[in-house]
Amino acid sequence: HEIQKLAEFTGKKLDDKVLEKIVHHTSFDVMKRNPMANYST
């Protein structure tokens, strides 16, 4: 819901598949393993 609200604020309309993908890839467990997001670089 919050990601959808942020998308609408920025003028983007996301279909449900893209929204679910963003929810998954910005979950804590996924981001913690992501070197582009976890500052391990």
PDB file of all heavy atoms in Angstrom:
ATOM      1  N   HIS A   1       0.829  -1.206   0.000  1.00  0.00           N
ATOM      2  CA  HIS A   1       0.000   0.000   0.000  1.00  0.00           C
ATOM      3  C   HIS A   1       0.864   1.258   0.000  1.00  0.00           C
ATOM      4  O   HIS A   1       0.606   2.211  -0.741  1.00  0.00           O
ATOM      5  CB  HIS A   1      -0.929  -0.005   1.217  1.00  0.00           C
ATOM      6  CG  HIS A   1      -1.770   1.221   1.318  1.00  0.00           C
ATOM      7  ND1 HIS A   1      -1.399   2.312   2.082  1.00  0.00           N
ATOM      8  CD2 HIS A   1      -2.948   1.544   0.725  1.00  0.00           C
ATOM      9  CE1 HIS A   1      -2.319   3.250   1.962  1.00  0.00           C
ATOM     10  NE2 HIS A   1      -3.268   2.819   1.153  1.00  0.00           N
ATOM     11  N   GLU A   2       1.909   1.278   0.819  1.00  0.00           N
ATOM     12  CA  GLU A   2       2.772   2.459   0.925  1.00  0.00           C
ATOM     13  C   GLU A   2       3.586   2.667  -0.351  1.00  0.00           C
ATOM     14  O   GLU A   2       3.801   3.805  -0.772  1.00  0.00           O
ATOM     15  CB  GLU A   2       3.675   2.358   2.151  1.00  0.00           C
ATOM     16  CG  GLU A   2       2.918   2.336   3.471  1.00  0.00           C
ATOM     17  CD  GLU A   2       2.036   3.556   3.680  1.00  0.00           C
ATOM     18  OE1 GLU A   2       2.556   4.684   3.644  1.00  0.00           O
ATOM     19  OE2 GLU A   2       0.813   3.380   3.878  1.00  0.00           O
ATOM     20  N   ILE A   3       4.037   1.584  -0.970  1.00  0.00           N
ATOM     21  CA  ILE A   3       4.773   1.693  -2.233  1.00  0.00           C
ATOM     22  C   ILE A   3       3.840   2.226  -3.324  1.00  0.00           C
ATOM     23  O   ILE A   3       4.232   3.085  -4.119  1.00  0.00           O
ATOM     24  CB  ILE A   3       5.426   0.347  -2.625  1.00  0.00           C
ATOM     25  CG1 ILE A   3       6.553   0.012  -1.640  1.00  0.00           C
ATOM     26  CG2 ILE A   3       5.940   0.385  -4.063  1.00  0.00           C
ATOM     27  CD1 ILE A   3       7.098  -1.404  -1.759  1.00  0.00           C
ATOM     28  N   GLN A   4       2.605   1.739  -3.347  1.00  0.00           N
ATOM     29  CA  GLN A   4       1.629   2.239  -4.318  1.00  0.00           C
ATOM     30  C   GLN A   4       1.382   3.729  -4.106  1.00  0.00           C
ATOM     31  O   GLN A   4       1.330   4.514  -5.054  1.00  0.00           O
ATOM     32  CB  GLN A   4       0.312   1.457  -4.205  1.00  0.00           C
ATOM     33  CG  GLN A   4      -0.729   1.880  -5.210  1.00  0.00           C
ATOM     34  CD  GLN A   4      -0.306   1.572  -6.639  1.00  0.00           C
ATOM     35  OE1 GLN A   4       0.266   0.521  -6.928  1.00  0.00           O
ATOM     36  NE2 GLN A   4      -0.557   2.490  -7.541  1.00  0.00           N
ATOM     37  N   LYS A   5       1.271   4.146  -2.850  1.00  0.00           N
ATOM     38  CA  LYS A   5       1.056   5.557  -2.525  1.00  0.00           C
ATOM     39  C   LYS A   5       2.244   6.393  -3.000  1.00  0.00           C
ATOM     40  O   LYS A   5       2.064   7.460  -3.588  1.00  0.00           O
ATOM     41  CB  LYS A   5       0.868   5.693  -1.002  1.00  0.00           C
ATOM     42  CG  LYS A   5       0.495   7.070  -0.544  1.00  0.00           C
ATOM     43  CD  LYS A   5      -0.021   7.114   0.893  1.00  0.00           C
ATOM     44  CE  LYS A   5       0.923   6.594   1.919  1.00  0.00           C
ATOM     45  NZ  LYS A   5       0.476   6.837   3.299  1.00  0.00           N
ATOM     46  N   LEU A   6       3.456   5.899  -2.790  1.00  0.00           N
ATOM     47  CA  LEU A   6       4.662   6.600  -3.234  1.00  0.00           C
ATOM     48  C   LEU A   6       4.721   6.665  -4.757  1.00  0.00           C
ATOM     49  O   LEU A   6       5.069   7.706  -5.328  1.00  0.00           O
ATOM     50  CB  LEU A   6       5.903   5.921  -2.654  1.00  0.00           C
ATOM     51  CG  LEU A   6       7.259   6.517  -2.967  1.00  0.00           C
ATOM     52  CD1 LEU A   6       7.325   7.999  -2.633  1.00  0.00           C
ATOM     53  CD2 LEU A   6       8.340   5.763  -2.210  1.00  0.00           C
ATOM     54  N   ALA A   7       4.348   5.579  -5.416  1.00  0.00           N
ATOM     55  CA  ALA A   7       4.335   5.570  -6.887  1.00  0.00           C
ATOM     56  C   ALA A   7       3.355   6.619  -7.418  1.00  0.00           C
ATOM     57  O   ALA A   7       3.692   7.393  -8.328  1.00  0.00           O
ATOM     58  CB  ALA A   7       3.960   4.178  -7.403  1.00  0.00           C
ATOM     59  N   GLU A   8       2.180   6.665  -6.853  1.00  0.00           N
ATOM     60  CA  GLU A   8       1.185   7.653  -7.284  1.00  0.00           C
ATOM     61  C   GLU A   8       1.680   9.074  -7.034  1.00  0.00           C
ATOM     62  O   GLU A   8       1.479   9.958  -7.863  1.00  0.00           O
ATOM     63  CB  GLU A   8      -0.147   7.405  -6.564  1.00  0.00           C
ATOM     64  CG  GLU A   8      -0.841   6.155  -7.054  1.00  0.00           C
ATOM     65  CD  GLU A   8      -2.057   5.766  -6.222  1.00  0.00           C
ATOM     66  OE1 GLU A   8      -2.466   6.538  -5.320  1.00  0.00           O
ATOM     67  OE2 GLU A   8      -2.598   4.673  -6.474  1.00  0.00           O
ATOM     68  N   PHE A   9       2.350   9.284  -5.917  1.00  0.00           N
ATOM     69  CA  PHE A   9       2.895  10.606  -5.602  1.00  0.00           C
ATOM     70  C   PHE A   9       3.900  11.044  -6.669  1.00  0.00           C
ATOM     71  O   PHE A   9       3.977  12.216  -7.023  1.00  0.00           O
ATOM     72  CB  PHE A   9       3.549  10.599  -4.222  1.00  0.00           C
ATOM     73  CG  PHE A   9       4.137  11.913  -3.814  1.00  0.00           C
ATOM     74  CD1 PHE A   9       3.325  12.932  -3.321  1.00  0.00           C
ATOM     75  CD2 PHE A   9       5.504  12.141  -3.914  1.00  0.00           C
ATOM     76  CE1 PHE A   9       3.859  14.153  -2.948  1.00  0.00           C
ATOM     77  CE2 PHE A   9       6.052  13.361  -3.542  1.00  0.00           C
ATOM     78  CZ  PHE A   9       5.230  14.371  -3.054  1.00  0.00           C
ATOM     79  N   THR A  10       4.683  10.092  -7.174  1.00  0.00           N
ATOM     80  CA  THR A  10       5.695  10.415  -8.187  1.00  0.00           C
ATOM     81  C   THR A  10       5.132  10.387  -9.607  1.00  0.00           C
ATOM     82  O   THR A  10       5.877  10.563 -10.571  1.00  0.00           O
ATOM     83  CB  THR A  10       6.906   9.454  -8.092  1.00  0.00           C
ATOM     84  OG1 THR A  10       6.477   8.118  -8.388  1.00  0.00           O
ATOM     85  CG2 THR A  10       7.566   9.526  -6.732  1.00  0.00           C
ATOM     86  N   GLY A  11       3.829  10.139  -9.732  1.00  0.00           N
ATOM     87  CA  GLY A  11       3.209  10.162 -11.051  1.00  0.00           C
ATOM     88  C   GLY A  11       3.287   8.853 -11.803  1.00  0.00           C
ATOM     89  O   GLY A  11       3.043   8.805 -13.011  1.00  0.00           O
ATOM     90  N   LYS A  12       3.622   7.765 -11.116  1.00  0.00           N
ATOM     91  CA  LYS A  12       3.732   6.459 -11.770  1.00  0.00           C
ATOM     92  C   LYS A  12       2.522   5.600 -11.430  1.00  0.00           C
ATOM     93  O   LYS A  12       2.045   5.606 -10.301  1.00  0.00           O
ATOM     94  CB  LYS A  12       4.985   5.721 -11.274  1.00  0.00           C
ATOM     95  CG  LYS A  12       6.271   6.251 -11.830  1.00  0.00           C
ATOM     96  CD  LYS A  12       6.462   5.730 -13.230  1.00  0.00           C
ATOM     97  CE  LYS A  12       7.916   5.768 -13.607  1.00  0.00           C
ATOM     98  NZ  LYS A  12       8.176   5.097 -14.847  1.00  0.00           N
ATOM     99  N   LYS A  13       2.062   4.873 -12.412  1.00  0.00           N
ATOM    100  CA  LYS A  13       0.999   3.892 -12.195  1.00  0.00           C
ATOM    101  C   LYS A  13       1.638   2.526 -12.381  1.00  0.00           C
ATOM    102  O   LYS A  13       2.163   2.226 -13.451  1.00  0.00           O
ATOM    103  CB  LYS A  13      -0.134   4.101 -13.197  1.00  0.00           C
ATOM    104  CG  LYS A  13      -1.242   3.109 -13.032  1.00  0.00           C
ATOM    105  CD  LYS A  13      -2.593   3.751 -13.268  1.00  0.00           C
ATOM    106  CE  LYS A  13      -3.732   2.763 -13.167  1.00  0.00           C
ATOM    107  NZ  LYS A  13      -3.898   2.135 -11.897  1.00  0.00           N
ATOM    108  N   LEU A  14       1.629   1.734 -11.323  1.00  0.00           N
ATOM    109  CA  LEU A  14       2.254   0.416 -11.366  1.00  0.00           C
ATOM    110  C   LEU A  14       1.187  -0.664 -11.460  1.00  0.00           C
ATOM    111  O   LEU A  14       0.202  -0.629 -10.722  1.00  0.00           O
ATOM    112  CB  LEU A  14       3.077   0.173 -10.101  1.00  0.00           C
ATOM    113  CG  LEU A  14       4.191   1.160  -9.785  1.00  0.00           C
ATOM    114  CD1 LEU A  14       4.840   0.818  -8.453  1.00  0.00           C
ATOM    115  CD2 LEU A  14       5.234   1.174 -10.896  1.00  0.00           C
ATOM    116  N   ASP A  15       1.408  -1.637 -12.370  1.00  0.00           N
ATOM    117  CA  ASP A  15       0.487  -2.765 -12.363  1.00  0.00           C
ATOM    118  C   ASP A  15       0.856  -3.667 -11.183  1.00  0.00           C
ATOM    119  O   ASP A  15       1.920  -3.526 -10.575  1.00  0.00           O
ATOM    120  CB  ASP A  15       0.487  -3.510 -13.702  1.00  0.00           C
ATOM    121  CG  ASP A  15       1.806  -4.188 -14.035  1.00  0.00           C
ATOM    122  OD1 ASP A  15       2.425  -4.805 -13.142  1.00  0.00           O
ATOM    123  OD2 ASP A  15       2.222  -4.114 -15.205  1.00  0.00           O
ATOM    124  N   ASP A  16      -0.036  -4.577 -10.844  1.00  0.00           N
ATOM    125  CA  ASP A  16       0.133  -5.389  -9.647  1.00  0.00           C
ATOM    126  C   ASP A  16       1.400  -6.248  -9.697  1.00  0.00           C
ATOM    127  O   ASP A  16       2.063  -6.445  -8.681  1.00  0.00           O
ATOM    128  CB  ASP A  16      -1.100  -6.259  -9.419  1.00  0.00           C
ATOM    129  CG  ASP A  16      -1.243  -6.636  -7.960  1.00  0.00           C
ATOM    130  OD1 ASP A  16      -1.216  -5.713  -7.109  1.00  0.00           O
ATOM    131  OD2 ASP A  16      -1.368  -7.841  -7.665  1.00  0.00           O
ATOM    132  N   LYS A  17       1.767  -6.729 -10.878  1.00  0.00           N
ATOM    133  CA  LYS A  17       2.964  -7.573 -11.019  1.00  0.00           C
ATOM    134  C   LYS A  17       4.227  -6.768 -10.670  1.00  0.00           C
ATOM    135  O   LYS A  17       5.094  -7.243  -9.945  1.00  0.00           O
ATOM    136  CB  LYS A  17       3.042  -8.118 -12.446  1.00  0.00           C
ATOM    137  CG  LYS A  17       4.180  -9.070 -12.677  1.00  0.00           C
ATOM    138  CD  LYS A  17       4.152  -9.616 -14.099  1.00  0.00           C
ATOM    139  CE  LYS A  17       5.342 -10.519 -14.333  1.00  0.00           C
ATOM    140  NZ  LYS A  17       5.392 -11.016 -15.710  1.00  0.00           N
ATOM    141  N   VAL A  18       4.327  -5.545 -11.184  1.00  0.00           N
ATOM    142  CA  VAL A  18       5.486  -4.683 -10.889  1.00  0.00           C
ATOM    143  C   VAL A  18       5.488  -4.303  -9.413  1.00  0.00           C
ATOM    144  O   VAL A  18       6.529  -4.317  -8.754  1.00  0.00           O
ATOM    145  CB  VAL A  18       5.490  -3.426 -11.795  1.00  0.00           C
ATOM    146  CG1 VAL A  18       6.545  -2.433 -11.345  1.00  0.00           C
ATOM    147  CG2 VAL A  18       5.704  -3.819 -13.245  1.00  0.00           C
ATOM    148  N   LEU A  19       4.327  -3.987  -8.875  1.00  0.00           N
ATOM    149  CA  LEU A  19       4.216  -3.631  -7.466  1.00  0.00           C
ATOM    150  C   LEU A  19       4.691  -4.779  -6.571  1.00  0.00           C
ATOM    151  O   LEU A  19       5.486  -4.565  -5.643  1.00  0.00           O
ATOM    152  CB  LEU A  19       2.769  -3.249  -7.143  1.00  0.00           C
ATOM    153  CG  LEU A  19       2.475  -2.741  -5.750  1.00  0.00           C
ATOM    154  CD1 LEU A  19       3.341  -1.537  -5.395  1.00  0.00           C
ATOM    155  CD2 LEU A  19       1.007  -2.382  -5.627  1.00  0.00           C
ATOM    156  N   GLU A  20       4.262  -5.991  -6.864  1.00  0.00           N
ATOM    157  CA  GLU A  20       4.697  -7.161  -6.079  1.00  0.00           C
ATOM    158  C   GLU A  20       6.211  -7.374  -6.200  1.00  0.00           C
ATOM    159  O   GLU A  20       6.866  -7.745  -5.232  1.00  0.00           O
ATOM    160  CB  GLU A  20       3.948  -8.420  -6.527  1.00  0.00           C
ATOM    161  CG  GLU A  20       2.498  -8.455  -6.119  1.00  0.00           C
ATOM    162  CD  GLU A  20       2.287  -8.539  -4.606  1.00  0.00           C
ATOM    163  OE1 GLU A  20       3.203  -8.947  -3.863  1.00  0.00           O
ATOM    164  OE2 GLU A  20       1.187  -8.151  -4.169  1.00  0.00           O
ATOM    165  N   LYS A  21       6.750  -7.138  -7.378  1.00  0.00           N
ATOM    166  CA  LYS A  21       8.190  -7.273  -7.598  1.00  0.00           C
ATOM    167  C   LYS A  21       8.960  -6.270  -6.731  1.00  0.00           C
ATOM    168  O   LYS A  21       9.963  -6.618  -6.108  1.00  0.00           O
ATOM    169  CB  LYS A  21       8.493  -7.043  -9.083  1.00  0.00           C
ATOM    170  CG  LYS A  21       9.886  -7.332  -9.512  1.00  0.00           C
ATOM    171  CD  LYS A  21       9.968  -7.077 -11.031  1.00  0.00           C
ATOM    172  CE  LYS A  21      11.198  -7.656 -11.636  1.00  0.00           C
ATOM    173  NZ  LYS A  21      11.271  -7.396 -13.076  1.00  0.00           N
ATOM    174  N   ILE A  22       8.470  -5.039  -6.672  1.00  0.00           N
ATOM    175  CA  ILE A  22       9.122  -4.011  -5.850  1.00  0.00           C
ATOM    176  C   ILE A  22       9.003  -4.363  -4.378  1.00  0.00           C
ATOM    177  O   ILE A  22       9.983  -4.231  -3.622  1.00  0.00           O
ATOM    178  CB  ILE A  22       8.543  -2.616  -6.160  1.00  0.00           C
ATOM    179  CG1 ILE A  22       8.906  -2.201  -7.586  1.00  0.00           C
ATOM    180  CG2 ILE A  22       9.067  -1.578  -5.152  1.00  0.00           C
ATOM    181  CD1 ILE A  22       8.221  -0.926  -8.069  1.00  0.00           C
ATOM    182  N   VAL A  23       7.841  -4.834  -3.950  1.00  0.00           N
ATOM    183  CA  VAL A  23       7.663  -5.252  -2.553  1.00  0.00           C
ATOM    184  C   VAL A  23       8.694  -6.328  -2.210  1.00  0.00           C
ATOM    185  O   VAL A  23       9.369  -6.250  -1.174  1.00  0.00           O
ATOM    186  CB  VAL A  23       6.226  -5.754  -2.288  1.00  0.00           C
ATOM    187  CG1 VAL A  23       6.131  -6.436  -0.925  1.00  0.00           C
ATOM    188  CG2 VAL A  23       5.228  -4.611  -2.388  1.00  0.00           C
ATOM    189  N   HIS A  24       8.836  -7.317  -3.082  1.00  0.00           N
ATOM    190  CA  HIS A  24       9.783  -8.406  -2.826  1.00  0.00           C
ATOM    191  C   HIS A  24      11.233  -7.901  -2.766  1.00  0.00           C
ATOM    192  O   HIS A  24      11.962  -8.199  -1.828  1.00  0.00           O
ATOM    193  CB  HIS A  24       9.655  -9.493  -3.891  1.00  0.00           C
ATOM    194  CG  HIS A  24      10.725 -10.527  -3.797  1.00  0.00           C
ATOM    195  ND1 HIS A  24      10.746 -11.490  -2.808  1.00  0.00           N
ATOM    196  CD2 HIS A  24      11.845 -10.726  -4.538  1.00  0.00           C
ATOM    197  CE1 HIS A  24      11.829 -12.246  -2.950  1.00  0.00           C
ATOM    198  NE2 HIS A  24      12.510 -11.803  -3.998  1.00  0.00           N
ATOM    199  N   HIS A  25      11.631  -7.140  -3.765  1.00  0.00           N
ATOM    200  CA  HIS A  25      13.034  -6.720  -3.863  1.00  0.00           C
ATOM    201  C   HIS A  25      13.419  -5.638  -2.855  1.00  0.00           C
ATOM    202  O   HIS A  25      14.609  -5.356  -2.693  1.00  0.00           O
ATOM    203  CB  HIS A  25      13.376  -6.293  -5.292  1.00  0.00           C
ATOM    204  CG  HIS A  25      13.518  -7.464  -6.199  1.00  0.00           C
ATOM    205  ND1 HIS A  25      14.629  -8.280  -6.216  1.00  0.00           N
ATOM    206  CD2 HIS A  25      12.652  -8.004  -7.094  1.00  0.00           C
ATOM    207  CE1 HIS A  25      14.455  -9.244  -7.075  1.00  0.00           C
ATOM    208  NE2 HIS A  25      13.261  -9.108  -7.629  1.00  0.00           N
ATOM    209  N   THR A  26      12.434  -5.049  -2.196  1.00  0.00           N
ATOM    210  CA  THR A  26      12.753  -4.067  -1.153  1.00  0.00           C
ATOM    211  C   THR A  26      12.429  -4.606   0.236  1.00  0.00           C
ATOM    212  O   THR A  26      12.433  -3.854   1.204  1.00  0.00           O
ATOM    213  CB  THR A  26      12.021  -2.728  -1.389  1.00  0.00           C
ATOM    214  OG1 THR A  26      10.612  -2.944  -1.406  1.00  0.00           O
ATOM    215  CG2 THR A  26      12.500  -2.077  -2.679  1.00  0.00           C
ATOM    216  N   SER A  27      12.210  -5.910   0.329  1.00  0.00           N
ATOM    217  CA  SER A  27      12.041  -6.521   1.645  1.00  0.00           C
ATOM    218  C   SER A  27      13.403  -6.508   2.349  1.00  0.00           C
ATOM    219  O   SER A  27      14.456  -6.486   1.699  1.00  0.00           O
ATOM    220  CB  SER A  27      11.517  -7.952   1.518  1.00  0.00           C
ATOM    221  OG  SER A  27      12.513  -8.789   0.950  1.00  0.00           O
ATOM    222  N   PHE A  28      13.378  -6.515   3.649  1.00  0.00           N
ATOM    223  CA  PHE A  28      14.620  -6.436   4.418  1.00  0.00           C
ATOM    224  C   PHE A  28      15.580  -7.572   4.060  1.00  0.00           C
ATOM    225  O   PHE A  28      16.766  -7.342   3.830  1.00  0.00           O
ATOM    226  CB  PHE A  28      14.330  -6.436   5.924  1.00  0.00           C
ATOM    227  CG  PHE A  28      15.573  -6.308   6.748  1.00  0.00           C
ATOM    228  CD1 PHE A  28      16.143  -5.062   6.957  1.00  0.00           C
ATOM    229  CD2 PHE A  28      16.195  -7.419   7.288  1.00  0.00           C
ATOM    230  CE1 PHE A  28      17.310  -4.926   7.696  1.00  0.00           C
ATOM    231  CE2 PHE A  28      17.359  -7.296   8.026  1.00  0.00           C
ATOM    232  CZ  PHE A  28      17.910  -6.049   8.230  1.00  0.00           C
ATOM    233  N   ASP A  29      15.073  -8.795   3.999  1.00  0.00           N
ATOM    234  CA  ASP A  29      15.951  -9.939   3.732  1.00  0.00           C
ATOM    235  C   ASP A  29      16.627  -9.846   2.374  1.00  0.00           C
ATOM    236  O   ASP A  29      17.806 -10.173   2.234  1.00  0.00           O
ATOM    237  CB  ASP A  29      15.169 -11.251   3.844  1.00  0.00           C
ATOM    238  CG  ASP A  29      14.783 -11.564   5.284  1.00  0.00           C
ATOM    239  OD1 ASP A  29      15.458 -11.066   6.214  1.00  0.00           O
ATOM    240  OD2 ASP A  29      13.798 -12.302   5.479  1.00  0.00           O
ATOM    241  N   VAL A  30      15.910  -9.387   1.364  1.00  0.00           N
ATOM    242  CA  VAL A  30      16.494  -9.257   0.018  1.00  0.00           C
ATOM    243  C   VAL A  30      17.499  -8.102  -0.003  1.00  0.00           C
ATOM    244  O   VAL A  30      18.608  -8.242  -0.520  1.00  0.00           O
ATOM    245  CB  VAL A  30      15.397  -9.086  -1.058  1.00  0.00           C
ATOM    246  CG1 VAL A  30      16.006  -8.752  -2.406  1.00  0.00           C
ATOM    247  CG2 VAL A  30      14.546 -10.351  -1.143  1.00  0.00           C
ATOM    248  N   MET A  31      17.119  -6.960   0.566  1.00  0.00           N
ATOM    249  CA  MET A  31      18.035  -5.806   0.563  1.00  0.00           C
ATOM    250  C   MET A  31      19.289  -6.085   1.379  1.00  0.00           C
ATOM    251  O   MET A  31      20.372  -5.624   1.024  1.00  0.00           O
ATOM    252  CB  MET A  31      17.326  -4.556   1.077  1.00  0.00           C
ATOM    253  CG  MET A  31      16.372  -3.964   0.049  1.00  0.00           C
ATOM    254  SD  MET A  31      15.629  -2.423   0.568  1.00  0.00           S
ATOM    255  CE  MET A  31      17.054  -1.363   0.769  1.00  0.00           C
ATOM    256  N   LYS A  32      19.165  -6.832   2.457  1.00  0.00           N
ATOM    257  CA  LYS A  32      20.335  -7.137   3.302  1.00  0.00           C
ATOM    258  C   LYS A  32      21.382  -7.928   2.515  1.00  0.00           C
ATOM    259  O   LYS A  32      22.576  -7.793   2.765  1.00  0.00           O
ATOM    260  CB  LYS A  32      19.893  -7.911   4.542  1.00  0.00           C
ATOM    261  CG  LYS A  32      20.998  -8.129   5.532  1.00  0.00           C
ATOM    262  CD  LYS A  32      20.490  -8.734   6.820  1.00  0.00           C
ATOM    263  CE  LYS A  32      21.638  -8.827   7.798  1.00  0.00           C
ATOM    264  NZ  LYS A  32      21.197  -9.144   9.133  1.00  0.00           N
ATOM    265  N   ARG A  33      20.952  -8.708   1.535  1.00  0.00           N
ATOM    266  CA  ARG A  33      21.875  -9.496   0.702  1.00  0.00           C
ATOM    267  C   ARG A  33      22.294  -8.761  -0.572  1.00  0.00           C
ATOM    268  O   ARG A  33      23.130  -9.258  -1.326  1.00  0.00           O
ATOM    269  CB  ARG A  33      21.233 -10.831   0.335  1.00  0.00           C
ATOM    270  CG  ARG A  33      21.004 -11.749   1.516  1.00  0.00           C
ATOM    271  CD  ARG A  33      20.506 -13.125   1.085  1.00  0.00           C
ATOM    272  NE  ARG A  33      19.433 -13.108   0.111  1.00  0.00           N
ATOM    273  CZ  ARG A  33      18.125 -13.145   0.394  1.00  0.00           C
ATOM    274  NH1 ARG A  33      17.731 -13.195   1.634  1.00  0.00           N
ATOM    275  NH2 ARG A  33      17.228 -13.148  -0.572  1.00  0.00           N
ATOM    276  N   ASN A  34      21.721  -7.608  -0.831  1.00  0.00           N
ATOM    277  CA  ASN A  34      21.960  -6.875  -2.080  1.00  0.00           C
ATOM    278  C   ASN A  34      23.133  -5.902  -1.904  1.00  0.00           C
ATOM    279  O   ASN A  34      23.004  -4.889  -1.236  1.00  0.00           O
ATOM    280  CB  ASN A  34      20.693  -6.107  -2.468  1.00  0.00           C
ATOM    281  CG  ASN A  34      20.847  -5.296  -3.725  1.00  0.00           C
ATOM    282  OD1 ASN A  34      21.935  -5.186  -4.305  1.00  0.00           O
ATOM    283  ND2 ASN A  34      19.762  -4.686  -4.159  1.00  0.00           N
ATOM    284  N   PRO A  35      24.285  -6.172  -2.524  1.00  0.00           N
ATOM    285  CA  PRO A  35      25.446  -5.286  -2.357  1.00  0.00           C
ATOM    286  C   PRO A  35      25.217  -3.872  -2.903  1.00  0.00           C
ATOM    287  O   PRO A  35      25.912  -2.941  -2.509  1.00  0.00           O
ATOM    288  CB  PRO A  35      26.569  -5.995  -3.113  1.00  0.00           C
ATOM    289  CG  PRO A  35      25.910  -6.999  -3.978  1.00  0.00           C
ATOM    290  CD  PRO A  35      24.574  -7.311  -3.386  1.00  0.00           C
ATOM    291  N   MET A  36      24.230  -3.695  -3.770  1.00  0.00           N
ATOM    292  CA  MET A  36      23.942  -2.352  -4.279  1.00  0.00           C
ATOM    293  C   MET A  36      23.085  -1.554  -3.293  1.00  0.00           C
ATOM    294  O   MET A  36      22.903  -0.349  -3.459  1.00  0.00           O
ATOM    295  CB  MET A  36      23.232  -2.423  -5.633  1.00  0.00           C
ATOM    296  CG  MET A  36      24.088  -3.023  -6.737  1.00  0.00           C
ATOM    297  SD  MET A  36      25.542  -2.025  -7.110  1.00  0.00           S
ATOM    298  CE  MET A  36      26.847  -3.073  -6.507  1.00  0.00           C
ATOM    299  N   ALA A  37      22.577  -2.217  -2.253  1.00  0.00           N
ATOM    300  CA  ALA A  37      21.744  -1.538  -1.256  1.00  0.00           C
ATOM    301  C   ALA A  37      22.290  -1.653   0.159  1.00  0.00           C
ATOM    302  O   ALA A  37      21.916  -0.862   1.020  1.00  0.00           O
ATOM    303  CB  ALA A  37      20.321  -2.097  -1.287  1.00  0.00           C
ATOM    304  N   ASN A  38      23.175  -2.595   0.430  1.00  0.00           N
ATOM    305  CA  ASN A  38      23.587  -2.843   1.817  1.00  0.00           C
ATOM    306  C   ASN A  38      24.925  -2.200   2.217  1.00  0.00           C
ATOM    307  O   ASN A  38      25.442  -2.487   3.286  1.00  0.00           O
ATOM    308  CB  ASN A  38      23.618  -4.348   2.107  1.00  0.00           C
ATOM    309  CG  ASN A  38      24.719  -5.076   1.366  1.00  0.00           C
ATOM    310  OD1 ASN A  38      25.655  -4.489   0.833  1.00  0.00           O
ATOM    311  ND2 ASN A  38      24.606  -6.398   1.325  1.00  0.00           N
ATOM    312  N   TYR A  39      25.464  -1.361   1.377  1.00  0.00           N
ATOM    313  CA  TYR A  39      26.695  -0.604   1.635  1.00  0.00           C
ATOM    314  C   TYR A  39      27.938  -1.483   1.764  1.00  0.00           C
ATOM    315  O   TYR A  39      28.990  -1.016   2.207  1.00  0.00           O
ATOM    316  CB  TYR A  39      26.549   0.292   2.880  1.00  0.00           C
ATOM    317  CG  TYR A  39      25.728   1.522   2.604  1.00  0.00           C
ATOM    318  CD1 TYR A  39      24.341   1.449   2.537  1.00  0.00           C
ATOM    319  CD2 TYR A  39      26.322   2.746   2.381  1.00  0.00           C
ATOM    320  CE1 TYR A  39      23.582   2.569   2.256  1.00  0.00           C
ATOM    321  CE2 TYR A  39      25.564   3.876   2.112  1.00  0.00           C
ATOM    322  CZ  TYR A  39      24.197   3.775   2.045  1.00  0.00           C
ATOM    323  OH  TYR A  39      23.446   4.886   1.763  1.00  0.00           O
ATOM    324  N   SER A  40      27.863  -2.731   1.340  1.00  0.00           N
ATOM    325  CA  SER A  40      29.043  -3.598   1.422  1.00  0.00           C
ATOM    326  C   SER A  40      30.088  -3.261   0.364  1.00  0.00           C
ATOM    327  O   SER A  40      31.209  -3.762   0.423  1.00  0.00           O
ATOM    328  CB  SER A  40      28.636  -5.069   1.327  1.00  0.00           C
ATOM    329  OG  SER A  40      28.033  -5.330   0.072  1.00  0.00           O
ATOM    330  N   THR A  41      29.765  -2.372  -0.580  1.00  0.00           N
ATOM    331  CA  THR A  41      30.744  -1.953  -1.588  1.00  0.00           C
ATOM    332  C   THR A  41      31.656  -0.838  -1.070  1.00  0.00           C
ATOM    333  O   THR A  41      32.636  -0.502  -1.717  1.00  0.00           O
ATOM    334  CB  THR A  41      30.037  -1.464  -2.875  1.00  0.00           C
ATOM    335  OG1 THR A  41      29.233  -0.333  -2.557  1.00  0.00           O
ATOM    336  CG2 THR A  41      29.195  -2.571  -3.493  1.00  0.00           C
TER     337      THR A  41
END
